[in-house]
Each structure stands twice: as C-alpha cells, then as structure tokens.
Amino acid sequence: MPFSLNLYHDQVGAGGASVAPLAAAHRLLYVRHGKVEIDGQIMGADAATYCDGPVTMKSAGEWAQIWRWELMPPNTAPALLDGEGVLSSLRMSRVIAGLGMFEGTRWLFRLDQIVSAAGRVADRHQHPGPGIRCLLEGTFNVQQDAESHRDLAPGDPWWETGSDTVVAWSSQQMAARFLRGMVLPVEWEGKVTGTWLSGNTPRPGNWKLYLDRVITV
C-alpha cells in the first residue's frame, strides 16, 4: 500500500485542548515552542516523541506549537485537530513513490536535525530515503530536479525524494537549522545519511538525532 508523508503545524493556545483524538497512525511529534500535554505527557520546547496510537493535545499553561510528521494512505482526509484554542494546518503532503512500502515490511521512521554553518554549501549528495524538511532558523536554499526552493524562512517545509541529487546552501550571514522527518531502510538506524558525490562531507557536530523508530507498515 502506498503512503503519504504529511507535515502538520499544530497550535495549542493557553487553556486550549483537542476535543477528539486523532486516529492512530505512525507519527513523529516535535514541540517547536512552548509547553504542551500530548496523550497525558507534558513536553517542553525541543522535545520529540513517536506515537502510533490516537493522539490528544492539551495546554500546559502557555501557547505551544507542535510539528507533526505522519504516514497515512494518500487518499486519507487531512488529520486536523479540533477543539477550543486549537489550530492545525497541513503544511506539506507528498506520496512516497521511491520505496516499496508493502504490507508487513519494516522501515525506519526518523526525526533528526541538521545545522548548516553560515556560508556553507552542501555539494551534490543523495539520501537512502525521502523526507520532509522544515526550517527552524536562518534561511535555506535547495536545488534538485524534483522541487527547488529559494530563501526558505523559518517554518517553511520542503521535500527531498532521496534519490534526486541535491545541492543546498545557507546564507553568508547566519547558520541554518532544520528538522527532517524521513523514511529510511532499517539498516540506517543510528547512522547519519548522505552519499556525497563530490567529496564535500559534512562537518562534525552538525547532526542531531531525536528519534529512530523501526515501524512495520
């Protein structure tokens, strides 16, 4: 069965709460700002979790923004939170066409972070699987055959197929920092991805792994 990888931005205001849980799905959740209660667990900024069951969100005393990556069939309606003081938006949805995600197969569902130093150009490279990136700070530029972007701002997402060759760069003035929700073969568990085609390898310390979860679809 084919899957779509979807990225949502959820907001929960002070005193807000969802009135019904989101249906079960493979999900990666990251608290971009504030503090929120997710399925009874209070999480602060820069915390991440994986969930494969129904999801509820509730205020933990201040406005919070949550970034949510999920895998769903491509014909499924958007999974938007409903409730007082709650707002959801689907920021990006892409069908995964490059992986044979047949029923019963195992995959690595990953959330990680990349920091690109000011002025750095990531020369020609590829990845072993697709993913939706989303910029945390700075600005970023991506050149690839599938989808290219210029002057991305914080909160902006982009899609990389993995198999397409990518060249990317940050500004001369400020480092760029972004998250990646990715689907990968399980043998990449715990390992940074990237096949560098020009010998320009990443600088040490620019990768942070939040979650690696082996899932069965």
N, C-alpha and C. Protein backbone atom coordinates (compact mmCIF):
# COMPACT_ATOMS: atom_id res chain seq x y z
N MET A 1 0.85 -1.20 0.00
CA MET A 1 0.00 0.00 0.00
C MET A 1 0.88 1.24 0.00
N PRO A 2 0.63 2.20 -0.88
CA PRO A 2 1.42 3.44 -0.86
C PRO A 2 1.07 4.30 0.35
N PHE A 3 2.03 5.12 0.73
CA PHE A 3 1.84 6.03 1.86
C PHE A 3 2.19 7.45 1.43
N SER A 4 1.53 8.40 2.08
CA SER A 4 1.93 9.80 2.02
C SER A 4 2.64 10.15 3.32
N LEU A 5 3.66 10.99 3.20
CA LEU A 5 4.27 11.60 4.37
C LEU A 5 3.72 13.01 4.47
N ASN A 6 3.10 13.31 5.61
CA ASN A 6 2.43 14.60 5.82
C ASN A 6 3.08 15.36 6.96
N LEU A 7 3.19 16.67 6.79
CA LEU A 7 3.69 17.54 7.86
C LEU A 7 2.59 18.52 8.25
N TYR A 8 2.26 18.54 9.54
CA TYR A 8 1.30 19.48 10.10
C TYR A 8 1.99 20.41 11.09
N HIS A 9 1.49 21.62 11.20
CA HIS A 9 1.83 22.52 12.28
C HIS A 9 0.58 22.69 13.14
N ASP A 10 0.67 22.27 14.39
CA ASP A 10 -0.43 22.38 15.34
C ASP A 10 -0.12 23.48 16.35
N GLN A 11 -1.15 24.27 16.69
CA GLN A 11 -1.02 25.27 17.73
C GLN A 11 -2.05 24.99 18.83
N VAL A 12 -1.58 25.08 20.07
CA VAL A 12 -2.46 24.92 21.22
C VAL A 12 -2.28 26.16 22.09
N GLY A 13 -3.33 26.97 22.20
CA GLY A 13 -3.26 28.18 22.99
C GLY A 13 -3.42 27.89 24.48
N ALA A 14 -3.16 28.91 25.28
CA ALA A 14 -3.33 28.77 26.73
C ALA A 14 -4.77 28.37 27.04
N GLY A 15 -4.95 27.25 27.72
CA GLY A 15 -6.27 26.74 28.05
C GLY A 15 -6.92 25.92 26.95
N GLY A 16 -6.24 25.76 25.81
CA GLY A 16 -6.81 25.01 24.69
C GLY A 16 -6.65 23.51 24.85
N ALA A 17 -7.51 22.76 24.14
CA ALA A 17 -7.44 21.31 24.19
C ALA A 17 -8.18 20.74 23.00
N SER A 18 -7.71 19.61 22.49
CA SER A 18 -8.43 18.92 21.42
C SER A 18 -9.66 18.24 22.01
N VAL A 19 -10.74 18.18 21.22
CA VAL A 19 -11.98 17.59 21.73
C VAL A 19 -12.11 16.12 21.33
N ALA A 20 -11.33 15.68 20.37
CA ALA A 20 -11.36 14.28 19.94
C ALA A 20 -9.95 13.89 19.51
N PRO A 21 -9.55 12.66 19.77
CA PRO A 21 -8.20 12.25 19.39
C PRO A 21 -8.06 12.07 17.89
N LEU A 22 -6.85 12.32 17.42
CA LEU A 22 -6.52 11.96 16.05
C LEU A 22 -6.48 10.45 15.93
N ALA A 23 -6.88 9.92 14.78
CA ALA A 23 -6.85 8.48 14.56
C ALA A 23 -5.43 7.95 14.62
N ALA A 24 -5.29 6.69 14.97
CA ALA A 24 -3.97 6.07 15.09
C ALA A 24 -3.22 6.15 13.76
N ALA A 25 -1.92 6.41 13.86
CA ALA A 25 -1.04 6.47 12.70
C ALA A 25 0.39 6.48 13.22
N HIS A 26 1.33 6.20 12.34
CA HIS A 26 2.74 6.38 12.69
C HIS A 26 3.04 7.88 12.66
N ARG A 27 3.44 8.43 13.84
CA ARG A 27 3.65 9.87 13.93
C ARG A 27 4.94 10.21 14.68
N LEU A 28 5.60 11.26 14.22
CA LEU A 28 6.70 11.90 14.92
C LEU A 28 6.23 13.30 15.31
N LEU A 29 6.36 13.66 16.58
CA LEU A 29 5.90 14.95 17.07
C LEU A 29 7.06 15.69 17.72
N TYR A 30 7.16 16.98 17.40
CA TYR A 30 8.24 17.82 17.91
C TYR A 30 7.64 19.12 18.44
N VAL A 31 7.99 19.49 19.66
CA VAL A 31 7.49 20.74 20.24
C VAL A 31 8.43 21.87 19.80
N ARG A 32 7.92 22.68 18.92
CA ARG A 32 8.72 23.79 18.38
C ARG A 32 8.79 24.95 19.37
N HIS A 33 7.72 25.18 20.12
CA HIS A 33 7.69 26.31 21.04
C HIS A 33 6.70 26.00 22.16
N GLY A 34 7.04 26.47 23.36
CA GLY A 34 6.12 26.38 24.48
C GLY A 34 6.13 25.04 25.18
N LYS A 35 5.00 24.74 25.80
CA LYS A 35 4.84 23.51 26.58
C LYS A 35 3.44 22.98 26.33
N VAL A 36 3.32 21.65 26.16
CA VAL A 36 2.04 21.06 25.79
C VAL A 36 1.93 19.67 26.41
N GLU A 37 0.69 19.25 26.64
CA GLU A 37 0.43 17.89 27.12
C GLU A 37 -0.05 17.05 25.94
N ILE A 38 0.72 16.03 25.58
CA ILE A 38 0.40 15.13 24.47
C ILE A 38 0.14 13.75 25.05
N ASP A 39 -1.11 13.28 24.94
CA ASP A 39 -1.50 11.97 25.49
C ASP A 39 -1.10 11.85 26.95
N GLY A 40 -1.30 12.93 27.71
CA GLY A 40 -1.02 12.90 29.15
C GLY A 40 0.42 13.16 29.53
N GLN A 41 1.31 13.30 28.56
CA GLN A 41 2.73 13.55 28.83
C GLN A 41 3.04 15.01 28.54
N ILE A 42 3.58 15.72 29.52
CA ILE A 42 3.94 17.13 29.34
C ILE A 42 5.30 17.21 28.67
N MET A 43 5.36 17.97 27.59
CA MET A 43 6.58 18.11 26.81
C MET A 43 6.88 19.59 26.60
N GLY A 44 8.16 19.94 26.73
CA GLY A 44 8.60 21.31 26.52
C GLY A 44 9.27 21.47 25.17
N ALA A 45 9.73 22.69 24.91
CA ALA A 45 10.34 23.02 23.63
C ALA A 45 11.56 22.14 23.36
N ASP A 46 11.72 21.77 22.11
CA ASP A 46 12.81 20.95 21.59
C ASP A 46 12.72 19.49 22.05
N ALA A 47 11.55 19.06 22.50
CA ALA A 47 11.33 17.65 22.84
C ALA A 47 10.58 16.97 21.70
N ALA A 48 10.83 15.68 21.53
CA ALA A 48 10.20 14.93 20.44
C ALA A 48 9.75 13.58 20.95
N THR A 49 8.72 13.04 20.29
CA THR A 49 8.21 11.72 20.66
C THR A 49 7.62 11.03 19.44
N TYR A 50 7.53 9.71 19.51
CA TYR A 50 6.87 8.90 18.49
C TYR A 50 5.58 8.36 19.08
N CYS A 51 4.53 8.28 18.26
CA CYS A 51 3.26 7.72 18.71
C CYS A 51 2.62 6.96 17.56
N ASP A 52 2.09 5.77 17.83
CA ASP A 52 1.37 5.03 16.80
C ASP A 52 -0.10 4.81 17.17
N GLY A 53 -0.55 5.45 18.25
CA GLY A 53 -1.94 5.35 18.65
C GLY A 53 -2.66 6.67 18.48
N PRO A 54 -3.90 6.78 18.97
CA PRO A 54 -4.62 8.05 18.92
C PRO A 54 -3.86 9.14 19.68
N VAL A 55 -4.01 10.38 19.25
CA VAL A 55 -3.26 11.50 19.83
C VAL A 55 -4.22 12.60 20.28
N THR A 56 -4.02 13.05 21.52
CA THR A 56 -4.73 14.23 22.03
C THR A 56 -3.69 15.26 22.47
N MET A 57 -4.09 16.53 22.42
CA MET A 57 -3.22 17.61 22.87
C MET A 57 -4.00 18.54 23.78
N LYS A 58 -3.29 19.07 24.79
CA LYS A 58 -3.91 19.95 25.78
C LYS A 58 -2.90 20.98 26.23
N SER A 59 -3.38 22.16 26.53
CA SER A 59 -2.50 23.23 27.00
C SER A 59 -1.81 22.83 28.30
N ALA A 60 -0.54 23.23 28.40
CA ALA A 60 0.20 23.07 29.65
C ALA A 60 0.58 24.43 30.22
N GLY A 61 -0.26 25.43 29.94
CA GLY A 61 -0.10 26.73 30.57
C GLY A 61 0.36 27.84 29.67
N GLU A 62 0.77 27.55 28.43
CA GLU A 62 1.22 28.60 27.54
C GLU A 62 0.99 28.16 26.10
N TRP A 63 1.05 29.12 25.19
CA TRP A 63 0.90 28.81 23.77
C TRP A 63 2.02 27.88 23.33
N ALA A 64 1.66 26.89 22.54
CA ALA A 64 2.64 25.92 22.06
C ALA A 64 2.42 25.66 20.58
N GLN A 65 3.51 25.38 19.89
CA GLN A 65 3.43 24.93 18.51
C GLN A 65 4.11 23.58 18.41
N ILE A 66 3.42 22.66 17.73
CA ILE A 66 3.92 21.29 17.56
C ILE A 66 4.03 21.01 16.07
N TRP A 67 5.17 20.46 15.64
CA TRP A 67 5.33 20.00 14.27
C TRP A 67 5.11 18.49 14.27
N ARG A 68 4.28 18.03 13.33
CA ARG A 68 3.81 16.63 13.34
C ARG A 68 4.00 16.01 11.96
N TRP A 69 4.84 14.99 11.90
CA TRP A 69 5.02 14.19 10.69
C TRP A 69 4.23 12.89 10.85
N GLU A 70 3.50 12.48 9.81
CA GLU A 70 2.75 11.24 9.92
C GLU A 70 2.69 10.53 8.58
N LEU A 71 2.53 9.21 8.66
CA LEU A 71 2.37 8.35 7.49
C LEU A 71 0.91 7.91 7.41
N MET A 72 0.28 8.18 6.26
CA MET A 72 -1.10 7.81 6.05
C MET A 72 -1.30 7.44 4.59
N PRO A 73 -2.34 6.64 4.26
CA PRO A 73 -2.66 6.41 2.85
C PRO A 73 -2.92 7.74 2.14
N PRO A 74 -2.54 7.86 0.87
CA PRO A 74 -2.66 9.16 0.20
C PRO A 74 -4.08 9.65 0.01
N ASN A 75 -5.08 8.76 0.10
CA ASN A 75 -6.47 9.18 -0.07
C ASN A 75 -7.16 9.50 1.25
N THR A 76 -6.40 9.60 2.34
CA THR A 76 -6.97 9.92 3.65
C THR A 76 -7.16 11.43 3.80
N ALA A 77 -8.27 11.83 4.38
CA ALA A 77 -8.51 13.25 4.62
C ALA A 77 -7.48 13.80 5.61
N PRO A 78 -7.14 15.08 5.52
CA PRO A 78 -6.18 15.67 6.45
C PRO A 78 -6.58 15.46 7.91
N ALA A 79 -5.60 15.13 8.75
CA ALA A 79 -5.84 14.86 10.17
C ALA A 79 -5.63 16.14 10.95
N LEU A 80 -6.68 16.96 11.02
CA LEU A 80 -6.60 18.24 11.69
C LEU A 80 -7.18 18.14 13.10
N LEU A 81 -6.50 18.74 14.07
CA LEU A 81 -7.02 18.79 15.43
C LEU A 81 -8.22 19.72 15.49
N ASP A 82 -9.18 19.34 16.31
CA ASP A 82 -10.36 20.17 16.52
C ASP A 82 -10.51 20.43 18.01
N GLY A 83 -10.86 21.67 18.36
CA GLY A 83 -11.05 21.99 19.76
C GLY A 83 -10.94 23.48 20.00
N GLU A 84 -11.30 23.90 21.19
CA GLU A 84 -11.23 25.31 21.58
C GLU A 84 -9.77 25.69 21.81
N GLY A 85 -9.32 26.76 21.15
CA GLY A 85 -7.94 27.20 21.31
C GLY A 85 -6.94 26.30 20.63
N VAL A 86 -7.39 25.54 19.62
CA VAL A 86 -6.52 24.62 18.89
C VAL A 86 -6.62 24.94 17.41
N LEU A 87 -5.46 24.95 16.73
CA LEU A 87 -5.44 25.24 15.30
C LEU A 87 -4.42 24.34 14.63
N SER A 88 -4.85 23.67 13.54
CA SER A 88 -3.96 22.79 12.77
C SER A 88 -3.91 23.25 11.33
N SER A 89 -2.74 23.08 10.72
CA SER A 89 -2.61 23.33 9.29
C SER A 89 -1.73 22.25 8.68
N LEU A 90 -2.16 21.75 7.53
CA LEU A 90 -1.36 20.80 6.76
C LEU A 90 -0.38 21.60 5.92
N ARG A 91 0.91 21.50 6.23
CA ARG A 91 1.91 22.32 5.56
C ARG A 91 2.46 21.64 4.30
N MET A 92 2.50 20.31 4.29
CA MET A 92 3.01 19.61 3.12
C MET A 92 2.57 18.16 3.15
N SER A 93 2.28 17.61 1.97
CA SER A 93 1.92 16.20 1.82
C SER A 93 2.54 15.69 0.52
N ARG A 94 3.28 14.59 0.61
CA ARG A 94 3.91 14.02 -0.57
C ARG A 94 3.78 12.49 -0.53
N VAL A 95 3.43 11.91 -1.67
CA VAL A 95 3.34 10.46 -1.79
C VAL A 95 4.75 9.89 -1.91
N ILE A 96 5.03 8.85 -1.16
CA ILE A 96 6.33 8.17 -1.22
C ILE A 96 6.28 7.16 -2.37
N ALA A 97 6.94 7.52 -3.46
CA ALA A 97 6.90 6.67 -4.66
C ALA A 97 8.18 5.87 -4.84
N GLY A 98 9.23 6.21 -4.11
CA GLY A 98 10.52 5.57 -4.35
C GLY A 98 10.84 4.39 -3.46
N LEU A 99 9.95 4.04 -2.52
CA LEU A 99 10.17 2.91 -1.62
C LEU A 99 9.02 1.93 -1.77
N GLY A 100 9.33 0.63 -1.76
CA GLY A 100 8.29 -0.40 -1.81
C GLY A 100 7.76 -0.69 -0.42
N MET A 101 6.84 0.15 0.06
CA MET A 101 6.33 0.01 1.42
C MET A 101 5.14 -0.95 1.44
N PHE A 102 5.44 -2.23 1.18
CA PHE A 102 4.40 -3.25 1.13
C PHE A 102 3.96 -3.63 2.55
N GLU A 103 2.75 -4.13 2.66
CA GLU A 103 2.21 -4.53 3.96
C GLU A 103 3.12 -5.54 4.64
N GLY A 104 3.45 -5.26 5.89
CA GLY A 104 4.30 -6.14 6.67
C GLY A 104 5.78 -5.83 6.59
N THR A 105 6.18 -4.87 5.76
CA THR A 105 7.60 -4.52 5.67
C THR A 105 7.97 -3.55 6.78
N ARG A 106 9.27 -3.54 7.11
CA ARG A 106 9.79 -2.73 8.22
C ARG A 106 10.61 -1.57 7.67
N TRP A 107 10.42 -0.40 8.29
CA TRP A 107 11.11 0.80 7.86
C TRP A 107 11.55 1.61 9.07
N LEU A 108 12.50 2.48 8.86
CA LEU A 108 12.97 3.37 9.91
C LEU A 108 12.30 4.73 9.74
N PHE A 109 11.58 5.15 10.76
CA PHE A 109 10.92 6.46 10.78
C PHE A 109 11.78 7.35 11.66
N ARG A 110 12.35 8.40 11.08
CA ARG A 110 13.39 9.19 11.76
C ARG A 110 13.02 10.66 11.84
N LEU A 111 13.38 11.27 12.99
CA LEU A 111 13.38 12.71 13.15
C LEU A 111 14.77 13.13 13.58
N ASP A 112 15.41 13.99 12.78
CA ASP A 112 16.74 14.47 13.14
C ASP A 112 16.87 15.94 12.79
N GLN A 113 18.02 16.50 13.11
CA GLN A 113 18.27 17.93 12.89
C GLN A 113 19.62 18.11 12.21
N ILE A 114 19.67 19.05 11.27
CA ILE A 114 20.90 19.42 10.60
C ILE A 114 21.16 20.90 10.85
N VAL A 115 22.42 21.24 11.13
CA VAL A 115 22.85 22.63 11.21
C VAL A 115 23.83 22.88 10.08
N SER A 116 23.52 23.86 9.25
CA SER A 116 24.39 24.26 8.15
C SER A 116 25.03 25.58 8.50
N ALA A 117 26.35 25.60 8.63
CA ALA A 117 27.06 26.81 9.04
C ALA A 117 26.85 27.94 8.04
N ALA A 118 26.97 29.16 8.51
CA ALA A 118 26.84 30.32 7.63
C ALA A 118 27.83 30.22 6.48
N GLY A 119 27.33 30.41 5.28
CA GLY A 119 28.17 30.38 4.10
C GLY A 119 28.49 29.01 3.55
N ARG A 120 28.01 27.96 4.21
CA ARG A 120 28.35 26.62 3.76
C ARG A 120 27.46 26.17 2.60
N VAL A 121 28.05 25.49 1.62
CA VAL A 121 27.33 24.87 0.53
C VAL A 121 27.45 23.36 0.66
N ALA A 122 26.31 22.67 0.78
CA ALA A 122 26.31 21.20 0.78
C ALA A 122 26.32 20.76 -0.68
N ASP A 123 27.46 20.27 -1.13
CA ASP A 123 27.63 19.93 -2.54
C ASP A 123 26.78 18.70 -2.88
N ARG A 124 26.85 18.23 -4.09
CA ARG A 124 25.98 17.20 -4.65
C ARG A 124 25.91 15.98 -3.73
N HIS A 125 24.69 15.63 -3.31
CA HIS A 125 24.51 14.48 -2.43
C HIS A 125 23.12 13.88 -2.61
N GLN A 126 22.97 12.66 -2.09
CA GLN A 126 21.71 11.93 -2.13
C GLN A 126 21.47 11.28 -0.76
N HIS A 127 20.23 10.78 -0.56
CA HIS A 127 19.88 10.10 0.68
C HIS A 127 19.20 8.76 0.35
N PRO A 128 19.22 7.81 1.30
CA PRO A 128 18.63 6.49 1.05
C PRO A 128 17.12 6.44 1.17
N GLY A 129 16.48 7.56 1.46
CA GLY A 129 15.03 7.59 1.57
C GLY A 129 14.52 9.01 1.53
N PRO A 130 13.21 9.18 1.35
CA PRO A 130 12.62 10.51 1.23
C PRO A 130 12.31 11.14 2.58
N GLY A 131 11.99 12.44 2.55
CA GLY A 131 11.60 13.10 3.78
C GLY A 131 11.14 14.53 3.54
N ILE A 132 10.41 15.04 4.53
CA ILE A 132 10.00 16.44 4.55
C ILE A 132 10.87 17.16 5.58
N ARG A 133 11.56 18.19 5.12
CA ARG A 133 12.35 19.04 6.00
C ARG A 133 11.52 20.27 6.37
N CYS A 134 11.89 20.91 7.50
CA CYS A 134 11.23 22.16 7.89
C CYS A 134 12.25 23.02 8.62
N LEU A 135 12.36 24.27 8.19
CA LEU A 135 13.40 25.16 8.69
C LEU A 135 13.06 25.70 10.07
N LEU A 136 14.02 25.62 10.98
CA LEU A 136 13.88 26.14 12.34
C LEU A 136 14.39 27.57 12.46
N GLU A 137 15.53 27.85 11.83
CA GLU A 137 16.09 29.21 11.91
C GLU A 137 17.00 29.45 10.72
N GLY A 138 17.23 30.74 10.44
CA GLY A 138 18.06 31.12 9.31
C GLY A 138 17.27 31.15 8.02
N THR A 139 17.96 30.99 6.92
CA THR A 139 17.32 30.83 5.61
C THR A 139 18.05 29.73 4.87
N PHE A 140 17.39 29.15 3.85
CA PHE A 140 17.98 27.98 3.21
C PHE A 140 17.54 27.93 1.76
N ASN A 141 18.38 27.30 0.94
CA ASN A 141 18.14 27.16 -0.49
C ASN A 141 18.41 25.73 -0.90
N VAL A 142 17.54 25.19 -1.75
CA VAL A 142 17.65 23.79 -2.17
C VAL A 142 17.49 23.71 -3.68
N GLN A 143 18.46 23.08 -4.34
CA GLN A 143 18.39 22.87 -5.78
C GLN A 143 18.38 21.37 -6.06
N GLN A 144 17.31 20.89 -6.72
CA GLN A 144 17.18 19.50 -7.11
C GLN A 144 16.19 19.44 -8.27
N ASP A 145 16.20 18.30 -8.99
CA ASP A 145 15.30 18.18 -10.13
C ASP A 145 13.83 18.14 -9.69
N ALA A 146 13.55 17.49 -8.56
CA ALA A 146 12.16 17.30 -8.15
C ALA A 146 11.50 18.62 -7.75
N GLU A 147 12.04 19.30 -6.77
CA GLU A 147 11.49 20.56 -6.26
C GLU A 147 12.65 21.41 -5.77
N SER A 148 12.73 22.65 -6.25
CA SER A 148 13.77 23.57 -5.81
C SER A 148 13.14 24.74 -5.07
N HIS A 149 13.90 25.32 -4.14
CA HIS A 149 13.38 26.41 -3.31
C HIS A 149 14.47 27.45 -3.07
N ARG A 150 14.06 28.71 -2.98
CA ARG A 150 14.98 29.80 -2.69
C ARG A 150 14.46 30.59 -1.48
N ASP A 151 15.40 30.97 -0.62
CA ASP A 151 15.12 31.84 0.52
C ASP A 151 14.00 31.31 1.40
N LEU A 152 14.08 30.03 1.75
CA LEU A 152 13.15 29.46 2.71
C LEU A 152 13.32 30.17 4.06
N ALA A 153 12.19 30.41 4.74
CA ALA A 153 12.18 31.09 6.04
C ALA A 153 11.75 30.10 7.12
N PRO A 154 12.01 30.42 8.41
CA PRO A 154 11.60 29.52 9.48
C PRO A 154 10.12 29.13 9.38
N GLY A 155 9.86 27.84 9.50
CA GLY A 155 8.51 27.30 9.36
C GLY A 155 8.21 26.78 7.97
N ASP A 156 9.05 27.10 6.98
CA ASP A 156 8.83 26.63 5.62
C ASP A 156 9.31 25.19 5.45
N PRO A 157 8.49 24.32 4.82
CA PRO A 157 8.90 22.94 4.58
C PRO A 157 9.41 22.76 3.14
N TRP A 158 10.13 21.67 2.93
CA TRP A 158 10.46 21.24 1.57
C TRP A 158 10.64 19.73 1.55
N TRP A 159 10.53 19.17 0.35
CA TRP A 159 10.53 17.72 0.13
C TRP A 159 11.80 17.32 -0.60
N GLU A 160 12.43 16.24 -0.13
CA GLU A 160 13.53 15.64 -0.85
C GLU A 160 13.21 14.16 -1.06
N THR A 161 13.33 13.71 -2.31
CA THR A 161 12.98 12.33 -2.63
C THR A 161 14.01 11.34 -2.13
N GLY A 162 15.23 11.79 -1.89
CA GLY A 162 16.32 10.89 -1.52
C GLY A 162 17.14 10.49 -2.72
N SER A 163 16.46 10.03 -3.77
CA SER A 163 17.18 9.56 -4.96
C SER A 163 17.63 10.72 -5.85
N ASP A 164 16.95 11.87 -5.76
CA ASP A 164 17.38 13.03 -6.54
C ASP A 164 18.65 13.64 -5.94
N THR A 165 19.54 14.08 -6.81
CA THR A 165 20.75 14.76 -6.37
C THR A 165 20.41 16.17 -5.92
N VAL A 166 20.94 16.55 -4.74
CA VAL A 166 20.61 17.83 -4.11
C VAL A 166 21.88 18.65 -3.92
N VAL A 167 21.78 19.94 -4.16
CA VAL A 167 22.76 20.92 -3.73
C VAL A 167 22.01 21.94 -2.86
N ALA A 168 22.55 22.26 -1.69
CA ALA A 168 21.84 23.15 -0.76
C ALA A 168 22.83 24.09 -0.09
N TRP A 169 22.32 25.27 0.32
CA TRP A 169 23.20 26.23 0.97
C TRP A 169 22.41 27.17 1.87
N SER A 170 23.11 27.64 2.91
CA SER A 170 22.55 28.64 3.82
C SER A 170 23.08 30.02 3.42
N SER A 171 22.71 31.05 4.17
CA SER A 171 23.16 32.40 3.86
C SER A 171 24.61 32.59 4.32
N GLN A 172 25.22 33.67 3.83
CA GLN A 172 26.57 34.01 4.28
C GLN A 172 26.57 34.56 5.70
N GLN A 173 25.42 35.08 6.16
CA GLN A 173 25.38 35.81 7.43
C GLN A 173 25.01 34.96 8.64
N MET A 174 24.27 33.87 8.41
CA MET A 174 23.69 33.15 9.56
C MET A 174 23.57 31.67 9.25
N ALA A 175 23.84 30.85 10.25
CA ALA A 175 23.65 29.41 10.10
C ALA A 175 22.17 29.08 9.90
N ALA A 176 21.91 27.98 9.25
CA ALA A 176 20.54 27.46 9.09
C ALA A 176 20.41 26.18 9.90
N ARG A 177 19.23 26.02 10.49
CA ARG A 177 18.96 24.82 11.30
C ARG A 177 17.59 24.30 10.89
N PHE A 178 17.52 22.99 10.58
CA PHE A 178 16.24 22.43 10.14
C PHE A 178 16.08 21.00 10.63
N LEU A 179 14.80 20.59 10.71
CA LEU A 179 14.44 19.23 11.08
C LEU A 179 14.11 18.43 9.83
N ARG A 180 14.32 17.10 9.94
CA ARG A 180 13.99 16.20 8.84
C ARG A 180 13.16 15.04 9.38
N GLY A 181 11.94 14.89 8.86
CA GLY A 181 11.17 13.68 9.09
C GLY A 181 11.36 12.77 7.89
N MET A 182 11.96 11.60 8.08
CA MET A 182 12.40 10.77 6.96
C MET A 182 11.92 9.33 7.13
N VAL A 183 11.78 8.63 5.99
CA VAL A 183 11.54 7.20 5.96
C VAL A 183 12.73 6.55 5.29
N LEU A 184 13.37 5.59 5.99
CA LEU A 184 14.63 5.01 5.53
C LEU A 184 14.62 3.50 5.67
N PRO A 185 15.47 2.80 4.94
CA PRO A 185 15.69 1.38 5.22
C PRO A 185 16.22 1.19 6.63
N VAL A 186 15.86 0.07 7.27
CA VAL A 186 16.17 -0.11 8.70
C VAL A 186 17.67 -0.18 8.97
N GLU A 187 18.49 -0.51 7.97
CA GLU A 187 19.93 -0.62 8.23
C GLU A 187 20.59 0.73 8.51
N TRP A 188 19.83 1.82 8.35
CA TRP A 188 20.37 3.15 8.66
C TRP A 188 20.12 3.57 10.09
N GLU A 189 19.56 2.69 10.91
CA GLU A 189 19.29 3.06 12.31
C GLU A 189 20.56 3.54 12.99
N GLY A 190 20.48 4.73 13.59
CA GLY A 190 21.61 5.29 14.33
C GLY A 190 22.70 5.91 13.48
N LYS A 191 22.55 5.92 12.17
CA LYS A 191 23.60 6.41 11.27
C LYS A 191 23.12 7.65 10.53
N VAL A 192 24.03 8.61 10.35
CA VAL A 192 23.70 9.79 9.57
C VAL A 192 23.64 9.40 8.09
N THR A 193 22.66 9.92 7.38
CA THR A 193 22.51 9.59 5.97
C THR A 193 23.31 10.58 5.11
N GLY A 194 23.46 10.22 3.87
CA GLY A 194 24.09 11.12 2.91
C GLY A 194 25.17 10.43 2.11
N THR A 195 24.97 10.33 0.81
CA THR A 195 26.00 9.87 -0.11
C THR A 195 26.53 11.10 -0.83
N TRP A 196 27.77 11.44 -0.54
CA TRP A 196 28.35 12.68 -1.07
C TRP A 196 29.05 12.37 -2.38
N LEU A 197 28.63 13.05 -3.43
CA LEU A 197 29.07 12.74 -4.78
C LEU A 197 30.26 13.59 -5.21
N SER A 198 30.67 14.54 -4.37
CA SER A 198 31.76 15.43 -4.76
C SER A 198 32.87 15.48 -3.71
N GLY A 199 32.78 14.63 -2.68
CA GLY A 199 33.83 14.61 -1.66
C GLY A 199 33.68 15.67 -0.59
N ASN A 200 32.63 16.50 -0.63
CA ASN A 200 32.41 17.55 0.37
C ASN A 200 31.57 16.98 1.51
N THR A 201 32.20 16.31 2.46
CA THR A 201 31.48 15.63 3.54
C THR A 201 31.05 16.61 4.62
N PRO A 202 30.02 16.26 5.42
CA PRO A 202 29.54 17.18 6.46
C PRO A 202 30.60 17.45 7.52
N ARG A 203 30.52 18.61 8.12
CA ARG A 203 31.40 18.94 9.23
C ARG A 203 30.95 18.21 10.48
N PRO A 204 31.88 17.77 11.34
CA PRO A 204 31.48 17.08 12.57
C PRO A 204 30.59 17.96 13.43
N GLY A 205 29.62 17.32 14.08
CA GLY A 205 28.78 18.02 15.04
C GLY A 205 27.57 18.71 14.47
N ASN A 206 27.29 18.56 13.15
CA ASN A 206 26.14 19.28 12.59
C ASN A 206 24.89 18.42 12.54
N TRP A 207 24.92 17.23 13.11
CA TRP A 207 23.79 16.30 13.06
C TRP A 207 23.33 15.96 14.48
N LYS A 208 22.01 16.03 14.70
CA LYS A 208 21.43 15.63 15.99
C LYS A 208 20.28 14.69 15.71
N LEU A 209 20.32 13.51 16.30
CA LEU A 209 19.26 12.53 16.14
C LEU A 209 18.28 12.64 17.31
N TYR A 210 17.00 12.89 17.00
CA TYR A 210 15.96 12.92 18.03
C TYR A 210 15.33 11.54 18.21
N LEU A 211 14.91 10.94 17.10
CA LEU A 211 14.18 9.66 17.18
C LEU A 211 14.52 8.78 15.98
N ASP A 212 14.79 7.52 16.24
CA ASP A 212 14.82 6.47 15.25
C ASP A 212 13.85 5.39 15.72
N ARG A 213 12.81 5.14 14.95
CA ARG A 213 11.84 4.13 15.34
C ARG A 213 11.62 3.17 14.17
N VAL A 214 11.88 1.91 14.40
CA VAL A 214 11.61 0.89 13.39
C VAL A 214 10.11 0.56 13.44
N ILE A 215 9.43 0.74 12.32
CA ILE A 215 7.99 0.52 12.26
C ILE A 215 7.66 -0.57 11.24
N THR A 216 6.52 -1.19 11.42
CA THR A 216 6.00 -2.15 10.45
C THR A 216 4.73 -1.56 9.85
N VAL A 217 4.68 -1.47 8.53
CA VAL A 217 3.54 -0.83 7.87
C VAL A 217 2.52 -1.88 7.43
